[in-house]
Amino acid sequence: MSFLMKDKFLEISSVYAKLMGFLLGANTYSTLVNEYIQPMPGISVLDVGCGPAEILELLQDVNYIGLDHNPNYIATATKKYGAKGTFICAGVDQLNDFGLKTFDRIIILGVMHHLDDAQLAKLMMSLKDRLNQGGTLITFDVAYEDKQNLIAKLLAKNDRGKFVRTKEQYLKFIQVSFKNEQADIRHDLLRVPYTHLLTRSIAQG
């Protein structure tokens, strides 16, 4: 199967869900939630590039808004989790079009490596004033690193997202708008060799 055909198939929510179900380790979402998102009842959460919003399985009693450009993903999320959140079909460049306020958590999971430098810089600037004081920005993306496992590097190079970066390159964009407090390279979150960067940042000033 060509990589272009593979990308088209992954736009189908059911195909994407099956692939993720195969690849994700038993601790992937629990690690994200317990160690990085750290939700509390009643907090507001903006999920930028939410996909089918599977993370909601572990987010209890939060005020959740998920945004994704793929109507198939949004339809799946709405059907499965409609009572638990609000779902908006829109691109990351349309954040200012829906009257969104501020949030206690902003999560960007597997999105940044799909954005070129100009798009990522614009996204970070648009989110700068949407994080409440005391709130947290959490990001999760595939990354390159020195002396990387060859399988992990090959998978990163052939990801749907064409802008995989190093830890330092991702942080360069985050730190323009936020104060980074934690940036961890992880190799234990998929069933195959893979390199993820997870970050936690707070509002500046």
N, C-alpha and C. Protein backbone atom coordinates (compact mmCIF):
# COMPACT_ATOMS: atom_id res chain seq x y z
N MET A 1 0.84 -1.20 0.00
CA MET A 1 0.00 0.00 0.00
C MET A 1 0.88 1.25 0.00
N SER A 2 0.61 2.19 -0.88
CA SER A 2 1.39 3.41 -0.92
C SER A 2 1.14 4.22 0.34
N PHE A 3 2.12 5.09 0.69
CA PHE A 3 1.93 5.91 1.88
C PHE A 3 0.77 6.87 1.71
N LEU A 4 0.52 7.35 0.47
CA LEU A 4 -0.60 8.23 0.24
C LEU A 4 -1.92 7.50 0.49
N MET A 5 -2.03 6.26 0.00
CA MET A 5 -3.23 5.47 0.23
C MET A 5 -3.41 5.19 1.71
N LYS A 6 -2.30 4.88 2.41
CA LYS A 6 -2.35 4.64 3.84
C LYS A 6 -2.92 5.85 4.57
N ASP A 7 -2.46 7.04 4.20
CA ASP A 7 -2.93 8.26 4.84
C ASP A 7 -4.42 8.44 4.63
N LYS A 8 -4.92 8.14 3.44
CA LYS A 8 -6.34 8.27 3.14
C LYS A 8 -7.16 7.32 4.00
N PHE A 9 -6.68 6.07 4.14
CA PHE A 9 -7.39 5.11 4.95
C PHE A 9 -7.46 5.55 6.41
N LEU A 10 -6.38 6.17 6.91
CA LEU A 10 -6.34 6.59 8.30
C LEU A 10 -7.24 7.78 8.58
N GLU A 11 -7.74 8.43 7.52
CA GLU A 11 -8.73 9.48 7.71
C GLU A 11 -10.09 8.90 8.08
N ILE A 12 -10.26 7.60 7.87
CA ILE A 12 -11.50 6.91 8.26
C ILE A 12 -11.42 6.57 9.74
N SER A 13 -12.38 7.03 10.49
CA SER A 13 -12.31 6.93 11.94
C SER A 13 -12.16 5.49 12.42
N SER A 14 -12.91 4.55 11.85
CA SER A 14 -12.86 3.16 12.30
C SER A 14 -11.49 2.53 12.03
N VAL A 15 -10.89 2.88 10.88
CA VAL A 15 -9.56 2.37 10.55
C VAL A 15 -8.52 2.93 11.51
N TYR A 16 -8.61 4.23 11.75
CA TYR A 16 -7.68 4.88 12.67
C TYR A 16 -7.79 4.26 14.07
N ALA A 17 -9.02 4.03 14.53
CA ALA A 17 -9.23 3.49 15.86
C ALA A 17 -8.64 2.09 15.98
N LYS A 18 -8.80 1.27 14.95
CA LYS A 18 -8.25 -0.09 14.99
C LYS A 18 -6.73 -0.07 15.02
N LEU A 19 -6.13 0.81 14.22
CA LEU A 19 -4.67 0.91 14.22
C LEU A 19 -4.16 1.36 15.58
N MET A 20 -4.81 2.38 16.16
CA MET A 20 -4.38 2.86 17.46
C MET A 20 -4.58 1.79 18.53
N GLY A 21 -5.67 1.03 18.42
CA GLY A 21 -5.90 -0.04 19.37
C GLY A 21 -4.81 -1.09 19.33
N PHE A 22 -4.26 -1.32 18.13
CA PHE A 22 -3.16 -2.27 17.98
C PHE A 22 -1.84 -1.70 18.50
N LEU A 23 -1.58 -0.42 18.21
CA LEU A 23 -0.28 0.16 18.52
C LEU A 23 -0.13 0.64 19.96
N LEU A 24 -1.20 1.20 20.52
CA LEU A 24 -1.08 1.83 21.83
C LEU A 24 -0.80 0.80 22.90
N GLY A 25 0.12 1.15 23.78
CA GLY A 25 0.40 0.29 24.91
C GLY A 25 -0.71 0.39 25.95
N ALA A 26 -0.69 -0.53 26.90
CA ALA A 26 -1.73 -0.55 27.92
C ALA A 26 -1.71 0.71 28.78
N ASN A 27 -0.56 1.37 28.83
CA ASN A 27 -0.41 2.52 29.72
C ASN A 27 -0.40 3.86 28.99
N THR A 28 -0.68 3.89 27.68
CA THR A 28 -0.51 5.14 26.93
C THR A 28 -1.43 6.24 27.45
N TYR A 29 -2.73 6.00 27.42
CA TYR A 29 -3.67 7.03 27.84
C TYR A 29 -3.59 7.29 29.34
N SER A 30 -3.39 6.24 30.13
CA SER A 30 -3.30 6.46 31.58
C SER A 30 -2.07 7.29 31.93
N THR A 31 -0.96 7.08 31.21
CA THR A 31 0.22 7.91 31.42
C THR A 31 -0.07 9.36 31.07
N LEU A 32 -0.69 9.58 29.92
CA LEU A 32 -1.03 10.93 29.51
C LEU A 32 -1.90 11.63 30.55
N VAL A 33 -2.91 10.92 31.01
CA VAL A 33 -3.87 11.53 31.92
C VAL A 33 -3.28 11.72 33.31
N ASN A 34 -2.71 10.67 33.87
CA ASN A 34 -2.28 10.72 35.26
C ASN A 34 -1.00 11.53 35.47
N GLU A 35 -0.06 11.45 34.53
CA GLU A 35 1.22 12.12 34.72
C GLU A 35 1.28 13.50 34.10
N TYR A 36 0.46 13.76 33.09
CA TYR A 36 0.62 15.02 32.35
C TYR A 36 -0.64 15.89 32.38
N ILE A 37 -1.77 15.36 32.02
CA ILE A 37 -3.00 16.17 32.03
C ILE A 37 -3.44 16.46 33.45
N GLN A 38 -3.39 15.47 34.31
CA GLN A 38 -3.73 15.62 35.73
C GLN A 38 -5.05 16.36 35.92
N PRO A 39 -6.14 15.77 35.42
CA PRO A 39 -7.43 16.46 35.49
C PRO A 39 -8.01 16.45 36.90
N MET A 40 -8.88 17.43 37.16
CA MET A 40 -9.65 17.49 38.39
C MET A 40 -11.10 17.74 38.00
N PRO A 41 -12.05 17.28 38.80
CA PRO A 41 -13.46 17.48 38.46
C PRO A 41 -13.80 18.95 38.26
N GLY A 42 -14.51 19.22 37.17
CA GLY A 42 -14.99 20.58 36.92
C GLY A 42 -14.06 21.45 36.10
N ILE A 43 -12.84 20.99 35.81
CA ILE A 43 -11.94 21.82 35.02
C ILE A 43 -12.39 21.87 33.56
N SER A 44 -11.95 22.90 32.86
CA SER A 44 -12.24 23.05 31.44
C SER A 44 -11.06 22.55 30.62
N VAL A 45 -11.35 21.81 29.55
CA VAL A 45 -10.32 21.19 28.73
C VAL A 45 -10.58 21.51 27.26
N LEU A 46 -9.57 22.03 26.58
CA LEU A 46 -9.61 22.21 25.12
C LEU A 46 -8.67 21.20 24.51
N ASP A 47 -9.21 20.34 23.65
CA ASP A 47 -8.43 19.30 22.98
C ASP A 47 -8.29 19.71 21.51
N VAL A 48 -7.10 20.17 21.14
CA VAL A 48 -6.86 20.69 19.79
C VAL A 48 -6.38 19.53 18.91
N GLY A 49 -7.18 19.21 17.88
CA GLY A 49 -6.88 18.04 17.06
C GLY A 49 -7.29 16.78 17.79
N CYS A 50 -8.54 16.75 18.24
CA CYS A 50 -9.00 15.71 19.17
C CYS A 50 -9.17 14.34 18.54
N GLY A 51 -9.23 14.26 17.19
CA GLY A 51 -9.50 12.97 16.56
C GLY A 51 -10.84 12.43 17.03
N PRO A 52 -10.97 11.12 17.22
CA PRO A 52 -12.22 10.55 17.73
C PRO A 52 -12.41 10.73 19.24
N ALA A 53 -11.51 11.47 19.87
CA ALA A 53 -11.63 11.87 21.28
C ALA A 53 -11.58 10.69 22.25
N GLU A 54 -10.79 9.68 21.94
CA GLU A 54 -10.70 8.51 22.81
C GLU A 54 -10.17 8.86 24.20
N ILE A 55 -9.44 9.96 24.33
CA ILE A 55 -8.91 10.36 25.63
C ILE A 55 -10.03 10.60 26.64
N LEU A 56 -11.25 10.87 26.14
CA LEU A 56 -12.38 11.14 27.03
C LEU A 56 -12.74 9.94 27.89
N GLU A 57 -12.31 8.75 27.48
CA GLU A 57 -12.57 7.57 28.30
C GLU A 57 -12.00 7.74 29.71
N LEU A 58 -10.93 8.53 29.83
CA LEU A 58 -10.25 8.69 31.12
C LEU A 58 -10.38 10.09 31.70
N LEU A 59 -11.15 10.94 31.05
CA LEU A 59 -11.38 12.29 31.58
C LEU A 59 -12.79 12.37 32.14
N GLN A 60 -12.90 12.30 33.44
CA GLN A 60 -14.21 12.26 34.08
C GLN A 60 -14.58 13.64 34.64
N ASP A 61 -15.83 14.02 34.42
CA ASP A 61 -16.39 15.23 35.04
C ASP A 61 -15.61 16.50 34.70
N VAL A 62 -15.21 16.61 33.43
CA VAL A 62 -14.56 17.83 32.97
C VAL A 62 -15.45 18.50 31.93
N ASN A 63 -15.23 19.78 31.72
CA ASN A 63 -15.93 20.53 30.68
C ASN A 63 -15.04 20.51 29.44
N TYR A 64 -15.38 19.65 28.50
CA TYR A 64 -14.49 19.31 27.39
C TYR A 64 -14.98 19.88 26.07
N ILE A 65 -14.05 20.49 25.34
CA ILE A 65 -14.30 20.90 23.95
C ILE A 65 -13.21 20.29 23.09
N GLY A 66 -13.61 19.52 22.08
CA GLY A 66 -12.68 18.92 21.15
C GLY A 66 -12.83 19.51 19.76
N LEU A 67 -11.72 19.79 19.13
CA LEU A 67 -11.72 20.41 17.80
C LEU A 67 -10.86 19.57 16.87
N ASP A 68 -11.40 19.24 15.68
CA ASP A 68 -10.63 18.50 14.70
C ASP A 68 -11.15 18.85 13.30
N HIS A 69 -10.24 18.84 12.31
CA HIS A 69 -10.62 19.22 10.95
C HIS A 69 -11.33 18.09 10.21
N ASN A 70 -11.25 16.85 10.73
CA ASN A 70 -11.78 15.69 10.04
C ASN A 70 -13.24 15.45 10.45
N PRO A 71 -14.20 15.62 9.53
CA PRO A 71 -15.61 15.43 9.90
C PRO A 71 -15.93 14.00 10.32
N ASN A 72 -15.19 13.04 9.79
CA ASN A 72 -15.40 11.64 10.18
C ASN A 72 -15.05 11.44 11.65
N TYR A 73 -13.92 11.98 12.06
CA TYR A 73 -13.52 11.88 13.47
C TYR A 73 -14.55 12.57 14.38
N ILE A 74 -14.97 13.76 13.98
CA ILE A 74 -15.91 14.52 14.81
C ILE A 74 -17.25 13.81 14.90
N ALA A 75 -17.71 13.22 13.81
CA ALA A 75 -18.97 12.48 13.85
C ALA A 75 -18.87 11.29 14.80
N THR A 76 -17.74 10.58 14.76
CA THR A 76 -17.54 9.44 15.65
C THR A 76 -17.50 9.89 17.11
N ALA A 77 -16.78 10.96 17.38
CA ALA A 77 -16.68 11.47 18.75
C ALA A 77 -18.05 11.93 19.26
N THR A 78 -18.80 12.60 18.42
CA THR A 78 -20.11 13.10 18.82
C THR A 78 -21.06 11.95 19.11
N LYS A 79 -21.03 10.92 18.27
CA LYS A 79 -21.91 9.77 18.47
C LYS A 79 -21.57 9.02 19.75
N LYS A 80 -20.29 8.88 20.04
CA LYS A 80 -19.86 8.09 21.19
C LYS A 80 -19.84 8.87 22.49
N TYR A 81 -19.45 10.16 22.41
CA TYR A 81 -19.25 10.94 23.63
C TYR A 81 -20.08 12.22 23.68
N GLY A 82 -21.12 12.31 22.87
CA GLY A 82 -21.86 13.56 22.74
C GLY A 82 -22.31 14.17 24.06
N ALA A 83 -22.63 13.32 25.03
CA ALA A 83 -23.09 13.84 26.32
C ALA A 83 -21.94 14.32 27.20
N LYS A 84 -20.72 13.98 26.84
CA LYS A 84 -19.58 14.30 27.69
C LYS A 84 -18.78 15.51 27.22
N GLY A 85 -19.09 16.03 26.03
CA GLY A 85 -18.29 17.14 25.52
C GLY A 85 -18.96 17.85 24.37
N THR A 86 -18.27 18.86 23.89
CA THR A 86 -18.69 19.61 22.70
C THR A 86 -17.63 19.38 21.64
N PHE A 87 -18.07 19.09 20.41
CA PHE A 87 -17.14 18.74 19.34
C PHE A 87 -17.33 19.68 18.16
N ILE A 88 -16.22 20.23 17.69
CA ILE A 88 -16.24 21.24 16.63
C ILE A 88 -15.40 20.75 15.46
N CYS A 89 -15.98 20.76 14.28
CA CYS A 89 -15.24 20.38 13.08
C CYS A 89 -14.60 21.63 12.49
N ALA A 90 -13.30 21.77 12.71
CA ALA A 90 -12.59 22.96 12.24
C ALA A 90 -11.10 22.70 12.32
N GLY A 91 -10.34 23.45 11.53
CA GLY A 91 -8.89 23.34 11.55
C GLY A 91 -8.30 24.13 12.70
N VAL A 92 -7.03 23.87 13.00
CA VAL A 92 -6.38 24.56 14.10
C VAL A 92 -6.21 26.05 13.82
N ASP A 93 -6.33 26.44 12.55
CA ASP A 93 -6.23 27.85 12.21
C ASP A 93 -7.56 28.58 12.38
N GLN A 94 -8.58 27.88 12.88
CA GLN A 94 -9.90 28.49 13.06
C GLN A 94 -10.29 28.63 14.52
N LEU A 95 -9.33 28.59 15.41
CA LEU A 95 -9.63 28.64 16.83
C LEU A 95 -10.35 29.92 17.25
N ASN A 96 -10.13 30.98 16.50
CA ASN A 96 -10.72 32.27 16.87
C ASN A 96 -12.12 32.46 16.31
N ASP A 97 -12.66 31.43 15.65
CA ASP A 97 -13.95 31.58 14.97
C ASP A 97 -15.14 31.11 15.78
N PHE A 98 -14.93 30.62 16.99
CA PHE A 98 -16.03 29.97 17.71
C PHE A 98 -16.30 30.55 19.09
N GLY A 99 -15.74 31.71 19.38
CA GLY A 99 -16.00 32.35 20.66
C GLY A 99 -15.48 31.57 21.86
N LEU A 100 -14.42 30.80 21.67
CA LEU A 100 -13.86 30.02 22.77
C LEU A 100 -13.25 30.94 23.82
N LYS A 101 -13.42 30.58 25.08
CA LYS A 101 -12.91 31.39 26.18
C LYS A 101 -11.53 30.87 26.61
N THR A 102 -11.33 30.74 27.91
CA THR A 102 -10.06 30.24 28.42
C THR A 102 -10.27 28.89 29.09
N PHE A 103 -9.15 28.16 29.28
CA PHE A 103 -9.24 26.78 29.73
C PHE A 103 -8.20 26.48 30.80
N ASP A 104 -8.51 25.46 31.61
CA ASP A 104 -7.57 25.00 32.64
C ASP A 104 -6.54 24.03 32.07
N ARG A 105 -6.93 23.31 31.05
CA ARG A 105 -6.02 22.42 30.35
C ARG A 105 -6.21 22.60 28.84
N ILE A 106 -5.12 22.75 28.14
CA ILE A 106 -5.14 22.69 26.68
C ILE A 106 -4.26 21.50 26.29
N ILE A 107 -4.83 20.56 25.56
CA ILE A 107 -4.06 19.38 25.18
C ILE A 107 -3.93 19.32 23.66
N ILE A 108 -2.73 19.02 23.22
CA ILE A 108 -2.42 18.92 21.78
C ILE A 108 -1.70 17.59 21.59
N LEU A 109 -2.45 16.58 21.20
CA LEU A 109 -1.94 15.22 21.17
C LEU A 109 -1.75 14.76 19.73
N GLY A 110 -0.49 14.59 19.35
CA GLY A 110 -0.20 14.10 18.01
C GLY A 110 -0.56 15.05 16.90
N VAL A 111 -0.42 16.34 17.14
CA VAL A 111 -0.83 17.36 16.17
C VAL A 111 0.36 18.15 15.63
N MET A 112 1.29 18.52 16.49
CA MET A 112 2.33 19.46 16.09
C MET A 112 3.16 18.96 14.91
N HIS A 113 3.36 17.64 14.82
CA HIS A 113 4.19 17.13 13.73
C HIS A 113 3.44 17.11 12.39
N HIS A 114 2.18 17.52 12.40
CA HIS A 114 1.42 17.69 11.16
C HIS A 114 1.48 19.14 10.65
N LEU A 115 2.06 20.04 11.43
CA LEU A 115 2.05 21.46 11.11
C LEU A 115 3.44 21.93 10.71
N ASP A 116 3.50 22.73 9.64
CA ASP A 116 4.78 23.32 9.28
C ASP A 116 5.12 24.43 10.25
N ASP A 117 6.29 25.02 10.12
CA ASP A 117 6.75 26.00 11.11
C ASP A 117 5.79 27.18 11.24
N ALA A 118 5.30 27.71 10.12
CA ALA A 118 4.41 28.86 10.16
C ALA A 118 3.10 28.49 10.85
N GLN A 119 2.56 27.33 10.54
CA GLN A 119 1.30 26.90 11.15
C GLN A 119 1.45 26.66 12.65
N LEU A 120 2.57 26.05 13.04
CA LEU A 120 2.78 25.77 14.46
C LEU A 120 2.99 27.06 15.25
N ALA A 121 3.74 27.99 14.69
CA ALA A 121 3.94 29.27 15.35
C ALA A 121 2.61 30.00 15.53
N LYS A 122 1.77 29.97 14.51
CA LYS A 122 0.46 30.62 14.58
C LYS A 122 -0.42 29.95 15.62
N LEU A 123 -0.39 28.61 15.69
CA LEU A 123 -1.19 27.91 16.68
C LEU A 123 -0.78 28.30 18.09
N MET A 124 0.51 28.31 18.37
CA MET A 124 0.96 28.65 19.71
C MET A 124 0.57 30.07 20.09
N MET A 125 0.65 30.99 19.15
CA MET A 125 0.26 32.37 19.43
C MET A 125 -1.25 32.46 19.70
N SER A 126 -2.04 31.68 18.95
CA SER A 126 -3.50 31.73 19.14
C SER A 126 -3.92 31.12 20.46
N LEU A 127 -3.09 30.23 21.02
CA LEU A 127 -3.42 29.60 22.29
C LEU A 127 -2.88 30.36 23.50
N LYS A 128 -2.02 31.32 23.25
CA LYS A 128 -1.31 32.01 24.33
C LYS A 128 -2.25 32.58 25.38
N ASP A 129 -3.32 33.20 24.95
CA ASP A 129 -4.25 33.85 25.88
C ASP A 129 -5.46 32.99 26.20
N ARG A 130 -5.41 31.71 25.86
CA ARG A 130 -6.54 30.81 26.13
C ARG A 130 -6.29 29.90 27.33
N LEU A 131 -5.11 30.02 27.94
CA LEU A 131 -4.79 29.19 29.10
C LEU A 131 -4.97 30.01 30.38
N ASN A 132 -5.79 29.50 31.29
CA ASN A 132 -6.00 30.18 32.56
C ASN A 132 -4.72 30.20 33.38
N GLN A 133 -4.58 31.22 34.22
CA GLN A 133 -3.49 31.22 35.19
C GLN A 133 -3.62 29.99 36.08
N GLY A 134 -2.54 29.26 36.23
CA GLY A 134 -2.58 28.01 36.97
C GLY A 134 -2.93 26.81 36.10
N GLY A 135 -3.25 27.06 34.83
CA GLY A 135 -3.58 25.99 33.91
C GLY A 135 -2.34 25.43 33.24
N THR A 136 -2.54 24.39 32.44
CA THR A 136 -1.41 23.68 31.84
C THR A 136 -1.68 23.38 30.37
N LEU A 137 -0.65 23.59 29.56
CA LEU A 137 -0.63 23.12 28.17
C LEU A 137 0.12 21.80 28.14
N ILE A 138 -0.50 20.78 27.54
CA ILE A 138 0.13 19.47 27.44
C ILE A 138 0.26 19.10 25.97
N THR A 139 1.46 18.71 25.53
CA THR A 139 1.65 18.27 24.15
C THR A 139 2.23 16.86 24.13
N PHE A 140 1.97 16.17 23.03
CA PHE A 140 2.38 14.77 22.88
C PHE A 140 2.62 14.53 21.39
N ASP A 141 3.85 14.24 21.02
CA ASP A 141 4.18 14.09 19.59
C ASP A 141 5.33 13.14 19.38
N VAL A 142 5.36 12.55 18.20
CA VAL A 142 6.50 11.76 17.77
C VAL A 142 7.70 12.70 17.62
N ALA A 143 8.89 12.20 17.92
CA ALA A 143 10.08 13.05 17.90
C ALA A 143 11.28 12.29 17.36
N TYR A 144 12.24 13.06 16.89
CA TYR A 144 13.56 12.53 16.56
C TYR A 144 14.50 12.77 17.74
N GLU A 145 15.52 11.92 17.85
CA GLU A 145 16.57 12.15 18.85
C GLU A 145 17.86 11.52 18.35
N ASP A 146 18.96 11.91 18.98
CA ASP A 146 20.25 11.34 18.63
C ASP A 146 20.28 9.85 18.97
N LYS A 147 20.97 9.07 18.14
CA LYS A 147 21.14 7.63 18.37
C LYS A 147 19.81 6.92 18.57
N GLN A 148 18.82 7.32 17.76
CA GLN A 148 17.47 6.80 17.87
C GLN A 148 17.38 5.35 17.36
N ASN A 149 16.54 4.55 18.01
CA ASN A 149 16.26 3.21 17.51
C ASN A 149 15.89 3.30 16.03
N LEU A 150 16.46 2.41 15.21
CA LEU A 150 16.26 2.50 13.76
C LEU A 150 14.80 2.31 13.36
N ILE A 151 14.10 1.43 14.05
CA ILE A 151 12.69 1.23 13.74
C ILE A 151 11.89 2.48 14.12
N ALA A 152 12.19 3.04 15.28
CA ALA A 152 11.50 4.26 15.72
C ALA A 152 11.74 5.40 14.73
N LYS A 153 12.97 5.52 14.25
CA LYS A 153 13.29 6.58 13.29
C LYS A 153 12.57 6.35 11.96
N LEU A 154 12.52 5.10 11.51
CA LEU A 154 11.83 4.79 10.26
C LEU A 154 10.35 5.10 10.37
N LEU A 155 9.73 4.73 11.49
CA LEU A 155 8.31 5.01 11.68
C LEU A 155 8.06 6.52 11.73
N ALA A 156 8.95 7.26 12.37
CA ALA A 156 8.79 8.72 12.42
C ALA A 156 8.89 9.33 11.03
N LYS A 157 9.84 8.85 10.23
CA LYS A 157 10.03 9.39 8.88
C LYS A 157 8.84 9.11 7.98
N ASN A 158 8.11 8.03 8.26
CA ASN A 158 7.00 7.65 7.41
C ASN A 158 5.64 7.93 8.04
N ASP A 159 5.62 8.76 9.06
CA ASP A 159 4.38 9.17 9.69
C ASP A 159 3.55 10.02 8.73
N ARG A 160 2.23 10.05 8.96
CA ARG A 160 1.37 10.95 8.16
C ARG A 160 1.82 12.40 8.30
N GLY A 161 2.26 12.76 9.49
CA GLY A 161 2.76 14.11 9.70
C GLY A 161 4.17 14.24 9.14
N LYS A 162 4.38 15.26 8.36
CA LYS A 162 5.66 15.42 7.64
C LYS A 162 6.62 16.38 8.34
N PHE A 163 6.28 16.78 9.58
CA PHE A 163 7.10 17.79 10.25
C PHE A 163 7.52 17.31 11.64
N VAL A 164 7.98 16.07 11.70
CA VAL A 164 8.51 15.54 12.96
C VAL A 164 9.77 16.32 13.32
N ARG A 165 9.91 16.68 14.59
CA ARG A 165 11.01 17.52 15.04
C ARG A 165 11.74 16.88 16.22
N THR A 166 12.83 17.47 16.59
CA THR A 166 13.53 17.07 17.81
C THR A 166 12.87 17.76 19.00
N LYS A 167 13.23 17.30 20.19
CA LYS A 167 12.74 17.92 21.42
C LYS A 167 13.02 19.43 21.42
N GLU A 168 14.22 19.80 21.07
CA GLU A 168 14.61 21.21 21.09
C GLU A 168 13.82 22.02 20.08
N GLN A 169 13.55 21.44 18.93
CA GLN A 169 12.80 22.15 17.89
C GLN A 169 11.34 22.36 18.30
N TYR A 170 10.72 21.36 18.91
CA TYR A 170 9.35 21.55 19.41
C TYR A 170 9.33 22.63 20.49
N LEU A 171 10.27 22.55 21.42
CA LEU A 171 10.26 23.50 22.54
C LEU A 171 10.46 24.93 22.07
N LYS A 172 11.19 25.11 20.99
CA LYS A 172 11.39 26.46 20.45
C LYS A 172 10.05 27.14 20.17
N PHE A 173 9.10 26.40 19.65
CA PHE A 173 7.79 26.97 19.35
C PHE A 173 6.95 27.13 20.61
N ILE A 174 6.98 26.14 21.48
CA ILE A 174 6.18 26.21 22.70
C ILE A 174 6.61 27.39 23.57
N GLN A 175 7.92 27.60 23.68
CA GLN A 175 8.43 28.59 24.62
C GLN A 175 8.26 30.03 24.16
N VAL A 176 7.84 30.24 22.95
CA VAL A 176 7.51 31.60 22.51
C VAL A 176 6.27 32.10 23.26
N SER A 177 5.33 31.21 23.54
CA SER A 177 4.06 31.60 24.13
C SER A 177 3.84 31.07 25.54
N PHE A 178 4.59 30.06 25.96
CA PHE A 178 4.37 29.41 27.25
C PHE A 178 5.71 29.18 27.96
N LYS A 179 5.61 28.97 29.26
CA LYS A 179 6.79 28.63 30.06
C LYS A 179 6.81 27.12 30.23
N ASN A 180 7.79 26.47 29.62
CA ASN A 180 7.86 25.01 29.71
C ASN A 180 8.38 24.57 31.07
N GLU A 181 7.72 23.61 31.68
CA GLU A 181 8.13 23.10 32.98
C GLU A 181 8.57 21.64 32.95
N GLN A 182 8.19 20.91 31.89
CA GLN A 182 8.52 19.50 31.82
C GLN A 182 8.56 19.09 30.35
N ALA A 183 9.59 18.37 29.97
CA ALA A 183 9.72 17.88 28.59
C ALA A 183 10.42 16.52 28.64
N ASP A 184 9.65 15.47 28.42
CA ASP A 184 10.15 14.12 28.59
C ASP A 184 10.15 13.35 27.28
N ILE A 185 11.28 12.75 26.95
CA ILE A 185 11.34 11.78 25.86
C ILE A 185 10.94 10.42 26.42
N ARG A 186 9.96 9.78 25.79
CA ARG A 186 9.48 8.48 26.24
C ARG A 186 9.58 7.46 25.11
N HIS A 187 9.93 6.23 25.48
CA HIS A 187 10.04 5.15 24.50
C HIS A 187 9.11 3.99 24.84
N ASP A 188 8.20 4.18 25.79
CA ASP A 188 7.44 3.06 26.36
C ASP A 188 5.94 3.16 26.13
N LEU A 189 5.51 3.96 25.17
CA LEU A 189 4.08 4.23 25.06
C LEU A 189 3.40 3.54 23.87
N LEU A 190 4.15 2.84 23.06
CA LEU A 190 3.58 2.03 21.99
C LEU A 190 4.09 0.60 22.12
N ARG A 191 3.45 -0.31 21.40
CA ARG A 191 3.87 -1.71 21.41
C ARG A 191 5.04 -1.95 20.46
N VAL A 192 5.42 -0.93 19.72
CA VAL A 192 6.57 -1.01 18.81
C VAL A 192 7.58 0.06 19.23
N PRO A 193 8.84 -0.07 18.82
CA PRO A 193 9.81 0.98 19.15
C PRO A 193 9.34 2.33 18.60
N TYR A 194 9.32 3.32 19.46
CA TYR A 194 8.80 4.63 19.06
C TYR A 194 9.33 5.67 20.03
N THR A 195 9.44 6.89 19.54
CA THR A 195 9.95 7.99 20.36
C THR A 195 8.90 9.08 20.46
N HIS A 196 8.46 9.37 21.68
CA HIS A 196 7.49 10.45 21.92
C HIS A 196 8.13 11.55 22.76
N LEU A 197 7.69 12.77 22.53
CA LEU A 197 7.99 13.88 23.43
C LEU A 197 6.69 14.31 24.09
N LEU A 198 6.69 14.35 25.42
CA LEU A 198 5.56 14.85 26.18
C LEU A 198 6.00 16.08 26.95
N THR A 199 5.21 17.13 26.89
CA THR A 199 5.58 18.38 27.58
C THR A 199 4.42 18.91 28.41
N ARG A 200 4.78 19.62 29.47
CA ARG A 200 3.82 20.39 30.27
C ARG A 200 4.36 21.80 30.38
N SER A 201 3.49 22.77 30.10
CA SER A 201 3.88 24.17 30.15
C SER A 201 2.77 24.99 30.79
N ILE A 202 3.13 26.15 31.29
CA ILE A 202 2.17 27.04 31.93
C ILE A 202 2.19 28.39 31.21
N ALA A 203 1.22 29.23 31.57
CA ALA A 203 1.15 30.55 30.98
C ALA A 203 2.36 31.38 31.40
N GLN A 204 2.80 32.25 30.53
CA GLN A 204 3.92 33.13 30.86
C GLN A 204 3.45 34.26 31.76
N GLY A 205 4.27 34.62 32.70
CA GLY A 205 4.00 35.80 33.50
C GLY A 205 2.85 35.64 34.47
